């Protein structure tokens, strides 16, 4: 599903990631841990195609991301990937239902699953609310529902439980794992939480010398 080949990213002459290679097996839920500043979020951004590597390749479904033009890369991200980022990226002018349904709309899929996902993340009956009416934890749940609603093949999650209380975090991790396994998706979750990492199939640690 996903392979990194000698992936390098430099900023101002400093290598954040240096010749990183790894193969992620299809259908696995993988946690990535590591010290702050080691490049965990940078790695997710590169895999998502939101940033370009300085060197090396990212292979998704046997295709090098470097061979795709902007339109093709956008289509791949839109149809095959789901993103859960720390900053939420919930659109303030859309209702919760509209935010969650956005990937369905962009991919020409039926809209009713948005309501199902609202229920699944504990926000039943609030589809008409706007993000300004939510707490940080509730916005995180909307972001998670939006990332999963179109059943992507690859889910990328950057600290998805960072703004949630322990009980809600447990329920969200259960949902994340259940959705991933039901659709046969792969998932990579960056986390500082050992409790969250323990819910995955495999934990890797990112250091200056690679993923171990």
C-alpha atoms as a PDB file:
ATOM      1  CA  UNK A   1       0.000   0.000   0.000  1.00  0.00           C
ATOM      2  CA  UNK A   2       2.690   2.508   1.027  1.00  0.00           C
ATOM      3  CA  UNK A   3       6.446   2.507   0.599  1.00  0.00           C
ATOM      4  CA  UNK A   4       9.019   5.160   1.466  1.00  0.00           C
ATOM      5  CA  UNK A   5      12.245   5.022  -0.528  1.00  0.00           C
ATOM      6  CA  UNK A   6      15.244   7.025   0.742  1.00  0.00           C
ATOM      7  CA  UNK A   7      12.920   9.857   1.765  1.00  0.00           C
ATOM      8  CA  UNK A   8      14.732  13.051   2.701  1.00  0.00           C
ATOM      9  CA  UNK A   9      13.373  16.450   3.730  1.00  0.00           C
ATOM     10  CA  UNK A  10      15.569  19.444   4.474  1.00  0.00           C
ATOM     11  CA  UNK A  11      14.691  22.908   5.752  1.00  0.00           C
ATOM     12  CA  UNK A  12      17.356  25.604   5.513  1.00  0.00           C
ATOM     13  CA  UNK A  13      20.060  23.019   5.005  1.00  0.00           C
ATOM     14  CA  UNK A  14      18.959  20.940   8.022  1.00  0.00           C
ATOM     15  CA  UNK A  15      17.722  17.420   7.320  1.00  0.00           C
ATOM     16  CA  UNK A  16      14.532  16.718   9.262  1.00  0.00           C
ATOM     17  CA  UNK A  17      14.220  13.313   7.599  1.00  0.00           C
ATOM     18  CA  UNK A  18      17.317  11.690   6.153  1.00  0.00           C
ATOM     19  CA  UNK A  19      17.138   8.835   3.621  1.00  0.00           C
ATOM     20  CA  UNK A  20      14.166   7.196   5.345  1.00  0.00           C
ATOM     21  CA  UNK A  21      12.967   3.904   3.874  1.00  0.00           C
ATOM     22  CA  UNK A  22      10.070   1.769   5.091  1.00  0.00           C
ATOM     23  CA  UNK A  23       7.305  -0.460   3.737  1.00  0.00           C
ATOM     24  CA  UNK A  24       3.869  -0.235   5.368  1.00  0.00           C
ATOM     25  CA  UNK A  25       1.752  -3.347   4.937  1.00  0.00           C
ATOM     26  CA  UNK A  26      -1.803  -3.039   3.657  1.00  0.00           C
ATOM     27  CA  UNK A  27      -4.490  -3.236   6.327  1.00  0.00           C
ATOM     28  CA  UNK A  28      -2.229  -2.384   9.264  1.00  0.00           C
ATOM     29  CA  UNK A  29      -2.906   0.278  11.898  1.00  0.00           C
ATOM     30  CA  UNK A  30       0.537   1.657  12.767  1.00  0.00           C
ATOM     31  CA  UNK A  31       1.534   4.137  15.463  1.00  0.00           C
ATOM     32  CA  UNK A  32       4.590   6.357  15.020  1.00  0.00           C
ATOM     33  CA  UNK A  33       6.182   7.748  18.153  1.00  0.00           C
ATOM     34  CA  UNK A  34       9.336   9.781  18.732  1.00  0.00           C
ATOM     35  CA  UNK A  35      10.706  12.905  20.333  1.00  0.00           C
ATOM     36  CA  UNK A  36       9.313  16.326  19.449  1.00  0.00           C
ATOM     37  CA  UNK A  37      10.994  17.809  16.385  1.00  0.00           C
ATOM     38  CA  UNK A  38      12.144  14.491  14.965  1.00  0.00           C
ATOM     39  CA  UNK A  39       9.888  14.896  11.899  1.00  0.00           C
ATOM     40  CA  UNK A  40       6.737  12.887  12.632  1.00  0.00           C
ATOM     41  CA  UNK A  41       4.281  15.519  11.363  1.00  0.00           C
ATOM     42  CA  UNK A  42       6.602  16.316   8.459  1.00  0.00           C
ATOM     43  CA  UNK A  43       6.469  12.654   7.470  1.00  0.00           C
ATOM     44  CA  UNK A  44       2.652  12.668   7.423  1.00  0.00           C
ATOM     45  CA  UNK A  45       2.587  15.842   5.328  1.00  0.00           C
ATOM     46  CA  UNK A  46       4.967  14.261   2.807  1.00  0.00           C
ATOM     47  CA  UNK A  47       2.921  11.051   2.573  1.00  0.00           C
ATOM     48  CA  UNK A  48      -0.229  13.134   2.092  1.00  0.00           C
ATOM     49  CA  UNK A  49       1.390  15.077  -0.717  1.00  0.00           C
ATOM     50  CA  UNK A  50       0.915  18.347   1.154  1.00  0.00           C
ATOM     51  CA  UNK A  51       4.669  18.897   1.052  1.00  0.00           C
ATOM     52  CA  UNK A  52       7.308  17.634  -1.377  1.00  0.00           C
ATOM     53  CA  UNK A  53      10.380  15.637  -0.346  1.00  0.00           C
ATOM     54  CA  UNK A  54      13.827  17.049  -1.011  1.00  0.00           C
ATOM     55  CA  UNK A  55      14.863  13.612  -2.267  1.00  0.00           C
ATOM     56  CA  UNK A  56      13.510  10.079  -2.408  1.00  0.00           C
ATOM     57  CA  UNK A  57      10.153   8.618  -3.363  1.00  0.00           C
ATOM     58  CA  UNK A  58       6.747   7.895  -1.859  1.00  0.00           C
ATOM     59  CA  UNK A  59       4.945   4.962  -3.492  1.00  0.00           C
ATOM     60  CA  UNK A  60       1.174   4.675  -2.973  1.00  0.00           C
ATOM     61  CA  UNK A  61      -0.619   1.673  -4.499  1.00  0.00           C
ATOM     62  CA  UNK A  62       2.463   0.973  -6.604  1.00  0.00           C
ATOM     63  CA  UNK A  63       2.584   4.497  -8.048  1.00  0.00           C
ATOM     64  CA  UNK A  64       5.222   7.105  -7.302  1.00  0.00           C
ATOM     65  CA  UNK A  65       3.686  10.343  -6.047  1.00  0.00           C
ATOM     66  CA  UNK A  66       6.425  12.201  -7.951  1.00  0.00           C
ATOM     67  CA  UNK A  67       4.975  11.040 -11.283  1.00  0.00           C
ATOM     68  CA  UNK A  68       1.578  12.638 -10.613  1.00  0.00           C
ATOM     69  CA  UNK A  69       0.714  16.138 -11.758  1.00  0.00           C
ATOM     70  CA  UNK A  70      -1.182  18.423  -9.371  1.00  0.00           C
ATOM     71  CA  UNK A  71      -4.624  17.314 -10.577  1.00  0.00           C
ATOM     72  CA  UNK A  72      -3.803  13.608 -10.349  1.00  0.00           C
ATOM     73  CA  UNK A  73      -2.290  14.036  -6.876  1.00  0.00           C
ATOM     74  CA  UNK A  74      -5.398  15.908  -5.742  1.00  0.00           C
ATOM     75  CA  UNK A  75      -7.666  13.147  -7.056  1.00  0.00           C
ATOM     76  CA  UNK A  76      -5.591  10.511  -5.284  1.00  0.00           C
ATOM     77  CA  UNK A  77      -5.708  12.382  -1.962  1.00  0.00           C
ATOM     78  CA  UNK A  78      -9.417  13.074  -2.304  1.00  0.00           C
ATOM     79  CA  UNK A  79     -10.478   9.513  -3.099  1.00  0.00           C
ATOM     80  CA  UNK A  80      -7.908   7.298  -1.386  1.00  0.00           C
ATOM     81  CA  UNK A  81      -6.786   9.196   1.726  1.00  0.00           C
ATOM     82  CA  UNK A  82      -8.308  10.550   4.914  1.00  0.00           C
ATOM     83  CA  UNK A  83      -6.562  13.146   7.082  1.00  0.00           C
ATOM     84  CA  UNK A  84      -6.818  13.916  10.780  1.00  0.00           C
ATOM     85  CA  UNK A  85      -4.544  16.811  11.619  1.00  0.00           C
ATOM     86  CA  UNK A  86      -3.919  18.613  14.905  1.00  0.00           C
ATOM     87  CA  UNK A  87      -5.278  21.896  13.554  1.00  0.00           C
ATOM     88  CA  UNK A  88      -8.642  20.214  12.672  1.00  0.00           C
ATOM     89  CA  UNK A  89      -9.148  22.220   9.430  1.00  0.00           C
ATOM     90  CA  UNK A  90     -12.899  22.231  10.082  1.00  0.00           C
ATOM     91  CA  UNK A  91     -14.505  24.824   7.786  1.00  0.00           C
ATOM     92  CA  UNK A  92     -16.232  27.512   9.923  1.00  0.00           C
ATOM     93  CA  UNK A  93     -18.879  28.497   7.357  1.00  0.00           C
ATOM     94  CA  UNK A  94     -20.197  24.932   6.959  1.00  0.00           C
ATOM     95  CA  UNK A  95     -22.416  23.032   9.387  1.00  0.00           C
ATOM     96  CA  UNK A  96     -21.073  19.911  11.060  1.00  0.00           C
ATOM     97  CA  UNK A  97     -23.013  17.713   8.643  1.00  0.00           C
ATOM     98  CA  UNK A  98     -21.680  19.675   5.667  1.00  0.00           C
ATOM     99  CA  UNK A  99     -18.101  19.467   6.964  1.00  0.00           C
ATOM    100  CA  UNK A 100     -18.332  15.713   7.384  1.00  0.00           C
ATOM    101  CA  UNK A 101     -20.079  15.211   4.041  1.00  0.00           C
ATOM    102  CA  UNK A 102     -17.458  17.174   2.088  1.00  0.00           C
ATOM    103  CA  UNK A 103     -15.374  14.120   1.021  1.00  0.00           C
ATOM    104  CA  UNK A 104     -18.580  12.384  -0.081  1.00  0.00           C
ATOM    105  CA  UNK A 105     -19.591  15.415  -2.147  1.00  0.00           C
ATOM    106  CA  UNK A 106     -16.148  15.725  -3.759  1.00  0.00           C
ATOM    107  CA  UNK A 107     -16.117  12.036  -4.655  1.00  0.00           C
ATOM    108  CA  UNK A 108     -19.706  11.921  -5.901  1.00  0.00           C
ATOM    109  CA  UNK A 109     -20.837   9.536  -3.155  1.00  0.00           C
ATOM    110  CA  UNK A 110     -24.211   9.341  -1.332  1.00  0.00           C
ATOM    111  CA  UNK A 111     -24.477  11.814   1.538  1.00  0.00           C
ATOM    112  CA  UNK A 112     -26.310   9.751   4.182  1.00  0.00           C
ATOM    113  CA  UNK A 113     -23.139   8.309   5.693  1.00  0.00           C
ATOM    114  CA  UNK A 114     -22.359  11.770   7.098  1.00  0.00           C
ATOM    115  CA  UNK A 115     -25.233  11.344   9.563  1.00  0.00           C
ATOM    116  CA  UNK A 116     -23.984   7.868  10.485  1.00  0.00           C
ATOM    117  CA  UNK A 117     -20.526   9.241  11.239  1.00  0.00           C
ATOM    118  CA  UNK A 118     -21.943  12.111  13.321  1.00  0.00           C
ATOM    119  CA  UNK A 119     -23.670   9.482  15.445  1.00  0.00           C
ATOM    120  CA  UNK A 120     -20.526   7.356  15.602  1.00  0.00           C
ATOM    121  CA  UNK A 121     -18.409  10.174  17.066  1.00  0.00           C
ATOM    122  CA  UNK A 122     -21.023  11.089  19.677  1.00  0.00           C
ATOM    123  CA  UNK A 123     -22.492  14.175  17.977  1.00  0.00           C
ATOM    124  CA  UNK A 124     -25.917  12.793  17.018  1.00  0.00           C
ATOM    125  CA  UNK A 125     -28.515  15.467  16.314  1.00  0.00           C
ATOM    126  CA  UNK A 126     -25.957  18.256  15.940  1.00  0.00           C
ATOM    127  CA  UNK A 127     -25.562  18.191  12.175  1.00  0.00           C
ATOM    128  CA  UNK A 128     -27.002  21.719  11.868  1.00  0.00           C
ATOM    129  CA  UNK A 129     -24.565  23.236  14.371  1.00  0.00           C
ATOM    130  CA  UNK A 130     -21.536  25.253  13.287  1.00  0.00           C
ATOM    131  CA  UNK A 131     -17.914  24.780  14.417  1.00  0.00           C
ATOM    132  CA  UNK A 132     -18.064  27.948  16.549  1.00  0.00           C
ATOM    133  CA  UNK A 133     -20.507  26.105  18.814  1.00  0.00           C
ATOM    134  CA  UNK A 134     -18.039  23.300  19.546  1.00  0.00           C
ATOM    135  CA  UNK A 135     -15.283  22.680  22.042  1.00  0.00           C
ATOM    136  CA  UNK A 136     -11.823  21.714  20.800  1.00  0.00           C
ATOM    137  CA  UNK A 137     -12.511  18.070  21.536  1.00  0.00           C
ATOM    138  CA  UNK A 138     -15.790  18.173  19.629  1.00  0.00           C
ATOM    139  CA  UNK A 139     -14.063  19.757  16.618  1.00  0.00           C
ATOM    140  CA  UNK A 140     -11.509  16.960  16.731  1.00  0.00           C
ATOM    141  CA  UNK A 141     -14.348  14.438  16.565  1.00  0.00           C
ATOM    142  CA  UNK A 142     -15.807  16.207  13.518  1.00  0.00           C
ATOM    143  CA  UNK A 143     -12.377  16.076  11.862  1.00  0.00           C
ATOM    144  CA  UNK A 144     -12.158  12.341  12.571  1.00  0.00           C
ATOM    145  CA  UNK A 145     -15.650  11.702  11.180  1.00  0.00           C
ATOM    146  CA  UNK A 146     -14.784  13.655   8.025  1.00  0.00           C
ATOM    147  CA  UNK A 147     -11.554  11.685   7.546  1.00  0.00           C
ATOM    148  CA  UNK A 148     -13.353   8.334   7.751  1.00  0.00           C
ATOM    149  CA  UNK A 149     -16.666   9.090   6.038  1.00  0.00           C
ATOM    150  CA  UNK A 150     -15.625   8.094   2.478  1.00  0.00           C
ATOM    151  CA  UNK A 151     -13.882   4.883   3.653  1.00  0.00           C
ATOM    152  CA  UNK A 152     -10.381   5.861   2.467  1.00  0.00           C
ATOM    153  CA  UNK A 153      -7.714   3.252   1.769  1.00  0.00           C
ATOM    154  CA  UNK A 154      -5.120   5.190   3.795  1.00  0.00           C
ATOM    155  CA  UNK A 155      -5.827   7.168   6.965  1.00  0.00           C
ATOM    156  CA  UNK A 156      -3.208   9.615   8.262  1.00  0.00           C
ATOM    157  CA  UNK A 157      -3.736  10.848  11.815  1.00  0.00           C
ATOM    158  CA  UNK A 158      -1.608  13.424  13.641  1.00  0.00           C
ATOM    159  CA  UNK A 159      -2.319  13.208  17.394  1.00  0.00           C
ATOM    160  CA  UNK A 160      -6.013  12.379  16.793  1.00  0.00           C
ATOM    161  CA  UNK A 161      -6.785  12.093  20.525  1.00  0.00           C
ATOM    162  CA  UNK A 162      -4.666  15.026  21.673  1.00  0.00           C
ATOM    163  CA  UNK A 163      -7.669  17.229  22.521  1.00  0.00           C
ATOM    164  CA  UNK A 164      -9.887  14.513  23.977  1.00  0.00           C
ATOM    165  CA  UNK A 165     -10.477  13.340  27.520  1.00  0.00           C
ATOM    166  CA  UNK A 166      -9.380   9.724  28.215  1.00  0.00           C
ATOM    167  CA  UNK A 167     -12.884   8.237  27.941  1.00  0.00           C
ATOM    168  CA  UNK A 168     -13.649   9.991  24.641  1.00  0.00           C
ATOM    169  CA  UNK A 169     -10.164   9.158  23.355  1.00  0.00           C
ATOM    170  CA  UNK A 170     -10.824   5.469  24.004  1.00  0.00           C
ATOM    171  CA  UNK A 171     -14.118   5.571  22.127  1.00  0.00           C
ATOM    172  CA  UNK A 172     -12.550   7.429  19.187  1.00  0.00           C
ATOM    173  CA  UNK A 173      -9.679   4.939  18.982  1.00  0.00           C
ATOM    174  CA  UNK A 174     -12.224   2.120  19.017  1.00  0.00           C
ATOM    175  CA  UNK A 175     -14.082   3.817  16.161  1.00  0.00           C
ATOM    176  CA  UNK A 176     -10.867   4.446  14.233  1.00  0.00           C
ATOM    177  CA  UNK A 177      -9.759   0.845  14.558  1.00  0.00           C
ATOM    178  CA  UNK A 178     -13.223  -0.524  13.752  1.00  0.00           C
ATOM    179  CA  UNK A 179     -13.591   1.585  10.590  1.00  0.00           C
ATOM    180  CA  UNK A 180     -10.076   0.767   9.417  1.00  0.00           C
ATOM    181  CA  UNK A 181     -10.543  -2.965   9.888  1.00  0.00           C
ATOM    182  CA  UNK A 182     -14.031  -2.982   8.356  1.00  0.00           C
ATOM    183  CA  UNK A 183     -12.797  -1.363   5.141  1.00  0.00           C
ATOM    184  CA  UNK A 184      -9.384  -3.071   5.032  1.00  0.00           C
ATOM    185  CA  UNK A 185      -7.685   0.328   5.158  1.00  0.00           C
ATOM    186  CA  UNK A 186      -4.169   1.130   6.271  1.00  0.00           C
ATOM    187  CA  UNK A 187      -3.605   3.800   8.917  1.00  0.00           C
ATOM    188  CA  UNK A 188      -0.631   5.699  10.285  1.00  0.00           C
ATOM    189  CA  UNK A 189      -1.103   7.556  13.553  1.00  0.00           C
ATOM    190  CA  UNK A 190       1.461   9.932  15.003  1.00  0.00           C
ATOM    191  CA  UNK A 191       1.051  10.061  18.769  1.00  0.00           C
ATOM    192  CA  UNK A 192       2.854  10.848  22.011  1.00  0.00           C
ATOM    193  CA  UNK A 193       0.397   8.663  23.922  1.00  0.00           C
ATOM    194  CA  UNK A 194       1.585   5.165  24.812  1.00  0.00           C
ATOM    195  CA  UNK A 195      -2.032   4.282  25.635  1.00  0.00           C
ATOM    196  CA  UNK A 196      -3.117   5.278  22.121  1.00  0.00           C
ATOM    197  CA  UNK A 197      -0.195   3.444  20.520  1.00  0.00           C
ATOM    198  CA  UNK A 198      -1.125   0.299  22.426  1.00  0.00           C
ATOM    199  CA  UNK A 199      -4.426   0.175  20.493  1.00  0.00           C
ATOM    200  CA  UNK A 200      -2.658  -0.192  17.138  1.00  0.00           C
ATOM    201  CA  UNK A 201      -1.262  -3.282  15.400  1.00  0.00           C
ATOM    202  CA  UNK A 202       2.315  -2.044  15.477  1.00  0.00           C
ATOM    203  CA  UNK A 203       4.338   0.794  16.988  1.00  0.00           C
ATOM    204  CA  UNK A 204       7.349   2.330  15.258  1.00  0.00           C
ATOM    205  CA  UNK A 205       9.728   4.899  16.723  1.00  0.00           C
ATOM    206  CA  UNK A 206      11.084   7.626  14.450  1.00  0.00           C
ATOM    207  CA  UNK A 207      14.654   8.685  15.209  1.00  0.00           C
ATOM    208  CA  UNK A 208      17.372  10.419  13.257  1.00  0.00           C
ATOM    209  CA  UNK A 209      18.428   7.039  11.896  1.00  0.00           C
ATOM    210  CA  UNK A 210      14.986   5.950  10.663  1.00  0.00           C
ATOM    211  CA  UNK A 211      11.848   4.063  11.690  1.00  0.00           C
ATOM    212  CA  UNK A 212      12.373   1.150  14.086  1.00  0.00           C
END
